[in-house]
């Protein structure tokens, strides 16, 4: 299993913007922010994997 992942430009920018957004919310609560994008990616994977499924049409989806 690969230990690195290549993100395209859009994914990199979206991840960075989300990290800034989350860090601003954490700062408002006087909590420590997310220091690295990899920390956020690990959390996204942890929260998303149990919710991954396949739709009737065969598309990979996130279920509730």
PDB file of N, CA and C in Angstrom:
ATOM      1  N   UNK A   1       0.848  -1.180   0.000  1.00  0.00           N
ATOM      2  CA  UNK A   1       0.000   0.000   0.000  1.00  0.00           C
ATOM      3  C   UNK A   1       0.890   1.239   0.000  1.00  0.00           C
ATOM      4  N   UNK A   2       0.582   2.169  -0.859  1.00  0.00           N
ATOM      5  CA  UNK A   2       1.364   3.405  -0.960  1.00  0.00           C
ATOM      6  C   UNK A   2       1.225   4.240   0.308  1.00  0.00           C
ATOM      7  N   UNK A   3       2.303   4.894   0.690  1.00  0.00           N
ATOM      8  CA  UNK A   3       2.278   5.754   1.867  1.00  0.00           C
ATOM      9  C   UNK A   3       2.155   7.217   1.485  1.00  0.00           C
ATOM     10  N   UNK A   4       2.145   7.500   0.203  1.00  0.00           N
ATOM     11  CA  UNK A   4       1.952   8.872  -0.259  1.00  0.00           C
ATOM     12  C   UNK A   4       0.780   8.900  -1.222  1.00  0.00           C
ATOM     13  N   UNK A   5       0.211  10.071  -1.363  1.00  0.00           N
ATOM     14  CA  UNK A   5      -0.901  10.247  -2.287  1.00  0.00           C
ATOM     15  C   UNK A   5      -0.660  11.536  -3.062  1.00  0.00           C
ATOM     16  N   UNK A   6      -0.913  11.490  -4.347  1.00  0.00           N
ATOM     17  CA  UNK A   6      -0.748  12.671  -5.187  1.00  0.00           C
ATOM     18  C   UNK A   6      -2.092  13.380  -5.304  1.00  0.00           C
ATOM     19  N   UNK A   7      -2.130  14.628  -4.856  1.00  0.00           N
ATOM     20  CA  UNK A   7      -3.339  15.434  -4.970  1.00  0.00           C
ATOM     21  C   UNK A   7      -3.198  16.368  -6.159  1.00  0.00           C
ATOM     22  N   UNK A   8      -4.283  16.525  -6.908  1.00  0.00           N
ATOM     23  CA  UNK A   8      -4.223  17.493  -7.999  1.00  0.00           C
ATOM     24  C   UNK A   8      -4.347  18.903  -7.423  1.00  0.00           C
ATOM     25  N   UNK A   9      -4.186  19.895  -8.264  1.00  0.00           N
ATOM     26  CA  UNK A   9      -4.179  21.292  -7.814  1.00  0.00           C
ATOM     27  C   UNK A   9      -5.481  21.669  -7.107  1.00  0.00           C
ATOM     28  N   UNK A  10      -6.618  21.267  -7.678  1.00  0.00           N
ATOM     29  CA  UNK A  10      -7.913  21.589  -7.065  1.00  0.00           C
ATOM     30  C   UNK A  10      -8.024  20.962  -5.682  1.00  0.00           C
ATOM     31  N   UNK A  11      -7.617  19.699  -5.546  1.00  0.00           N
ATOM     32  CA  UNK A  11      -7.691  19.005  -4.257  1.00  0.00           C
ATOM     33  C   UNK A  11      -6.796  19.679  -3.217  1.00  0.00           C
ATOM     34  N   UNK A  12      -5.600  20.088  -3.635  1.00  0.00           N
ATOM     35  CA  UNK A  12      -4.685  20.771  -2.725  1.00  0.00           C
ATOM     36  C   UNK A  12      -5.284  22.076  -2.231  1.00  0.00           C
ATOM     37  N   UNK A  13      -5.854  22.847  -3.157  1.00  0.00           N
ATOM     38  CA  UNK A  13      -6.446  24.130  -2.787  1.00  0.00           C
ATOM     39  C   UNK A  13      -7.675  23.941  -1.904  1.00  0.00           C
ATOM     40  N   UNK A  14      -8.520  22.971  -2.236  1.00  0.00           N
ATOM     41  CA  UNK A  14      -9.726  22.711  -1.445  1.00  0.00           C
ATOM     42  C   UNK A  14      -9.349  22.261  -0.032  1.00  0.00           C
ATOM     43  N   UNK A  15      -8.352  21.409   0.076  1.00  0.00           N
ATOM     44  CA  UNK A  15      -7.897  20.938   1.378  1.00  0.00           C
ATOM     45  C   UNK A  15      -7.347  22.099   2.201  1.00  0.00           C
ATOM     46  N   UNK A  16      -6.546  22.946   1.569  1.00  0.00           N
ATOM     47  CA  UNK A  16      -5.976  24.099   2.266  1.00  0.00           C
ATOM     48  C   UNK A  16      -7.074  25.048   2.741  1.00  0.00           C
ATOM     49  N   UNK A  17      -8.045  25.337   1.856  1.00  0.00           N
ATOM     50  CA  UNK A  17      -9.147  26.236   2.231  1.00  0.00           C
ATOM     51  C   UNK A  17      -9.953  25.661   3.395  1.00  0.00           C
ATOM     52  N   UNK A  18     -10.212  24.365   3.369  1.00  0.00           N
ATOM     53  CA  UNK A  18     -10.968  23.733   4.456  1.00  0.00           C
ATOM     54  C   UNK A  18     -10.172  23.780   5.753  1.00  0.00           C
ATOM     55  N   UNK A  19      -8.861  23.573   5.666  1.00  0.00           N
ATOM     56  CA  UNK A  19      -8.034  23.624   6.859  1.00  0.00           C
ATOM     57  C   UNK A  19      -8.053  25.026   7.466  1.00  0.00           C
ATOM     58  N   UNK A  20      -7.974  26.052   6.629  1.00  0.00           N
ATOM     59  CA  UNK A  20      -8.037  27.432   7.115  1.00  0.00           C
ATOM     60  C   UNK A  20      -9.391  27.688   7.774  1.00  0.00           C
ATOM     61  N   UNK A  21     -10.464  27.251   7.123  1.00  0.00           N
ATOM     62  CA  UNK A  21     -11.813  27.419   7.672  1.00  0.00           C
ATOM     63  C   UNK A  21     -11.937  26.753   9.048  1.00  0.00           C
ATOM     64  N   UNK A  22     -11.476  25.516   9.144  1.00  0.00           N
ATOM     65  CA  UNK A  22     -11.549  24.797  10.413  1.00  0.00           C
ATOM     66  C   UNK A  22     -10.667  25.444  11.478  1.00  0.00           C
ATOM     67  N   UNK A  23      -9.489  25.904  11.081  1.00  0.00           N
ATOM     68  CA  UNK A  23      -8.594  26.563  12.034  1.00  0.00           C
ATOM     69  C   UNK A  23      -9.206  27.854  12.561  1.00  0.00           C
ATOM     70  N   UNK A  24      -9.917  28.596  11.702  1.00  0.00           N
ATOM     71  CA  UNK A  24     -10.592  29.809  12.156  1.00  0.00           C
ATOM     72  C   UNK A  24     -11.663  29.471  13.187  1.00  0.00           C
ATOM     73  N   UNK A  25     -12.418  28.414  12.943  1.00  0.00           N
ATOM     74  CA  UNK A  25     -13.452  27.995  13.898  1.00  0.00           C
ATOM     75  C   UNK A  25     -12.826  27.531  15.213  1.00  0.00           C
ATOM     76  N   UNK A  26     -11.718  26.813  15.118  1.00  0.00           N
ATOM     77  CA  UNK A  26     -11.028  26.370  16.328  1.00  0.00           C
ATOM     78  C   UNK A  26     -10.478  27.564  17.107  1.00  0.00           C
ATOM     79  N   UNK A  27      -9.956  28.562  16.396  1.00  0.00           N
ATOM     80  CA  UNK A  27      -9.422  29.761  17.048  1.00  0.00           C
ATOM     81  C   UNK A  27     -10.527  30.511  17.787  1.00  0.00           C
ATOM     82  N   UNK A  28     -11.715  30.576  17.196  1.00  0.00           N
ATOM     83  CA  UNK A  28     -12.853  31.224  17.854  1.00  0.00           C
ATOM     84  C   UNK A  28     -13.191  30.533  19.169  1.00  0.00           C
ATOM     85  N   UNK A  29     -12.947  29.249  19.238  1.00  0.00           N
ATOM     86  CA  UNK A  29     -13.214  28.473  20.457  1.00  0.00           C
ATOM     87  C   UNK A  29     -11.981  28.410  21.358  1.00  0.00           C
ATOM     88  N   UNK A  30     -10.948  29.174  20.968  1.00  0.00           N
ATOM     89  CA  UNK A  30      -9.677  29.205  21.693  1.00  0.00           C
ATOM     90  C   UNK A  30      -9.076  27.813  21.838  1.00  0.00           C
ATOM     91  N   UNK A  31      -9.162  27.055  20.740  1.00  0.00           N
ATOM     92  CA  UNK A  31      -8.603  25.706  20.700  1.00  0.00           C
ATOM     93  C   UNK A  31      -7.436  25.682  19.721  1.00  0.00           C
ATOM     94  N   UNK A  32      -6.577  24.695  19.880  1.00  0.00           N
ATOM     95  CA  UNK A  32      -5.409  24.553  19.018  1.00  0.00           C
ATOM     96  C   UNK A  32      -5.837  24.172  17.607  1.00  0.00           C
ATOM     97  N   UNK A  33      -5.207  24.779  16.622  1.00  0.00           N
ATOM     98  CA  UNK A  33      -5.533  24.521  15.227  1.00  0.00           C
ATOM     99  C   UNK A  33      -4.861  23.276  14.676  1.00  0.00           C
ATOM    100  N   UNK A  34      -5.190  22.996  13.435  1.00  0.00           N
ATOM    101  CA  UNK A  34      -4.611  21.864  12.705  1.00  0.00           C
ATOM    102  C   UNK A  34      -3.309  22.353  12.087  1.00  0.00           C
ATOM    103  N   UNK A  35      -2.202  21.719  12.433  1.00  0.00           N
ATOM    104  CA  UNK A  35      -0.891  22.195  12.003  1.00  0.00           C
ATOM    105  C   UNK A  35      -0.516  21.735  10.596  1.00  0.00           C
ATOM    106  N   UNK A  36      -0.959  20.549  10.201  1.00  0.00           N
ATOM    107  CA  UNK A  36      -0.533  19.998   8.910  1.00  0.00           C
ATOM    108  C   UNK A  36      -1.734  19.453   8.151  1.00  0.00           C
ATOM    109  N   UNK A  37      -1.653  19.563   6.831  1.00  0.00           N
ATOM    110  CA  UNK A  37      -2.712  19.011   5.988  1.00  0.00           C
ATOM    111  C   UNK A  37      -2.861  17.511   6.206  1.00  0.00           C
ATOM    112  N   UNK A  38      -1.749  16.832   6.454  1.00  0.00           N
ATOM    113  CA  UNK A  38      -1.812  15.376   6.634  1.00  0.00           C
ATOM    114  C   UNK A  38      -2.659  15.001   7.846  1.00  0.00           C
ATOM    115  N   UNK A  39      -2.643  15.824   8.879  1.00  0.00           N
ATOM    116  CA  UNK A  39      -3.479  15.567  10.054  1.00  0.00           C
ATOM    117  C   UNK A  39      -4.948  15.600   9.666  1.00  0.00           C
ATOM    118  N   UNK A  40      -5.321  16.577   8.853  1.00  0.00           N
ATOM    119  CA  UNK A  40      -6.704  16.689   8.388  1.00  0.00           C
ATOM    120  C   UNK A  40      -7.068  15.517   7.486  1.00  0.00           C
ATOM    121  N   UNK A  41      -6.172  15.127   6.605  1.00  0.00           N
ATOM    122  CA  UNK A  41      -6.436  13.994   5.710  1.00  0.00           C
ATOM    123  C   UNK A  41      -6.651  12.711   6.516  1.00  0.00           C
ATOM    124  N   UNK A  42      -5.830  12.490   7.531  1.00  0.00           N
ATOM    125  CA  UNK A  42      -5.999  11.294   8.366  1.00  0.00           C
ATOM    126  C   UNK A  42      -7.372  11.293   9.035  1.00  0.00           C
ATOM    127  N   UNK A  43      -7.814  12.447   9.508  1.00  0.00           N
ATOM    128  CA  UNK A  43      -9.123  12.535  10.169  1.00  0.00           C
ATOM    129  C   UNK A  43     -10.253  12.314   9.165  1.00  0.00           C
ATOM    130  N   UNK A  44     -10.113  12.878   7.966  1.00  0.00           N
ATOM    131  CA  UNK A  44     -11.123  12.673   6.919  1.00  0.00           C
ATOM    132  C   UNK A  44     -11.250  11.184   6.603  1.00  0.00           C
ATOM    133  N   UNK A  45     -10.131  10.513   6.454  1.00  0.00           N
ATOM    134  CA  UNK A  45     -10.148   9.073   6.160  1.00  0.00           C
ATOM    135  C   UNK A  45     -10.809   8.310   7.303  1.00  0.00           C
ATOM    136  N   UNK A  46     -10.424   8.630   8.521  1.00  0.00           N
ATOM    137  CA  UNK A  46     -10.975   7.948   9.695  1.00  0.00           C
ATOM    138  C   UNK A  46     -12.498   8.090   9.766  1.00  0.00           C
ATOM    139  N   UNK A  47     -13.001   9.285   9.477  1.00  0.00           N
ATOM    140  CA  UNK A  47     -14.444   9.529   9.558  1.00  0.00           C
ATOM    141  C   UNK A  47     -15.204   9.012   8.344  1.00  0.00           C
ATOM    142  N   UNK A  48     -14.561   8.981   7.185  1.00  0.00           N
ATOM    143  CA  UNK A  48     -15.246   8.643   5.935  1.00  0.00           C
ATOM    144  C   UNK A  48     -15.294   7.154   5.623  1.00  0.00           C
ATOM    145  N   UNK A  49     -14.241   6.426   5.921  1.00  0.00           N
ATOM    146  CA  UNK A  49     -14.181   5.014   5.531  1.00  0.00           C
ATOM    147  C   UNK A  49     -15.395   4.198   5.968  1.00  0.00           C
ATOM    148  N   UNK A  50     -15.856   4.345   7.208  1.00  0.00           N
ATOM    149  CA  UNK A  50     -17.025   3.547   7.608  1.00  0.00           C
ATOM    150  C   UNK A  50     -18.298   3.905   6.838  1.00  0.00           C
ATOM    151  N   UNK A  51     -18.327   5.078   6.214  1.00  0.00           N
ATOM    152  CA  UNK A  51     -19.532   5.536   5.517  1.00  0.00           C
ATOM    153  C   UNK A  51     -19.500   5.278   4.014  1.00  0.00           C
ATOM    154  N   UNK A  52     -18.402   4.764   3.491  1.00  0.00           N
ATOM    155  CA  UNK A  52     -18.311   4.498   2.057  1.00  0.00           C
ATOM    156  C   UNK A  52     -19.202   3.333   1.672  1.00  0.00           C
ATOM    157  N   UNK A  53     -19.880   3.488   0.545  1.00  0.00           N
ATOM    158  CA  UNK A  53     -20.769   2.443   0.058  1.00  0.00           C
ATOM    159  C   UNK A  53     -20.848   2.563  -1.461  1.00  0.00           C
ATOM    160  N   UNK A  54     -21.584   1.665  -2.074  1.00  0.00           N
ATOM    161  CA  UNK A  54     -21.797   1.684  -3.521  1.00  0.00           C
ATOM    162  C   UNK A  54     -23.291   1.866  -3.771  1.00  0.00           C
ATOM    163  N   UNK A  55     -23.632   2.836  -4.627  1.00  0.00           N
ATOM    164  CA  UNK A  55     -25.034   3.090  -4.948  1.00  0.00           C
ATOM    165  C   UNK A  55     -25.556   2.025  -5.906  1.00  0.00           C
ATOM    166  N   UNK A  56     -26.852   2.074  -6.166  1.00  0.00           N
ATOM    167  CA  UNK A  56     -27.483   1.141  -7.107  1.00  0.00           C
ATOM    168  C   UNK A  56     -26.841   1.216  -8.490  1.00  0.00           C
ATOM    169  N   UNK A  57     -26.379   2.424  -8.858  1.00  0.00           N
ATOM    170  CA  UNK A  57     -25.780   2.600 -10.183  1.00  0.00           C
ATOM    171  C   UNK A  57     -24.291   2.247 -10.214  1.00  0.00           C
ATOM    172  N   UNK A  58     -23.734   1.894  -9.058  1.00  0.00           N
ATOM    173  CA  UNK A  58     -22.329   1.510  -9.010  1.00  0.00           C
ATOM    174  C   UNK A  58     -21.385   2.645  -8.664  1.00  0.00           C
ATOM    175  N   UNK A  59     -21.926   3.792  -8.290  1.00  0.00           N
ATOM    176  CA  UNK A  59     -21.114   4.936  -7.902  1.00  0.00           C
ATOM    177  C   UNK A  59     -20.719   4.801  -6.434  1.00  0.00           C
ATOM    178  N   UNK A  60     -19.488   5.151  -6.119  1.00  0.00           N
ATOM    179  CA  UNK A  60     -19.056   5.151  -4.726  1.00  0.00           C
ATOM    180  C   UNK A  60     -19.642   6.391  -4.062  1.00  0.00           C
ATOM    181  N   UNK A  61     -20.299   6.186  -2.911  1.00  0.00           N
ATOM    182  CA  UNK A  61     -20.981   7.271  -2.210  1.00  0.00           C
ATOM    183  C   UNK A  61     -20.622   7.253  -0.727  1.00  0.00           C
ATOM    184  N   UNK A  62     -20.906   8.375  -0.060  1.00  0.00           N
ATOM    185  CA  UNK A  62     -20.840   8.448   1.396  1.00  0.00           C
ATOM    186  C   UNK A  62     -22.262   8.341   1.905  1.00  0.00           C
ATOM    187  N   UNK A  63     -22.539   7.333   2.692  1.00  0.00           N
ATOM    188  CA  UNK A  63     -23.884   7.177   3.242  1.00  0.00           C
ATOM    189  C   UNK A  63     -23.944   7.822   4.620  1.00  0.00           C
ATOM    190  N   UNK A  64     -25.142   8.138   5.055  1.00  0.00           N
ATOM    191  CA  UNK A  64     -25.331   8.760   6.378  1.00  0.00           C
ATOM    192  C   UNK A  64     -25.144   7.771   7.487  1.00  0.00           C
TER     193      UNK A  64
END
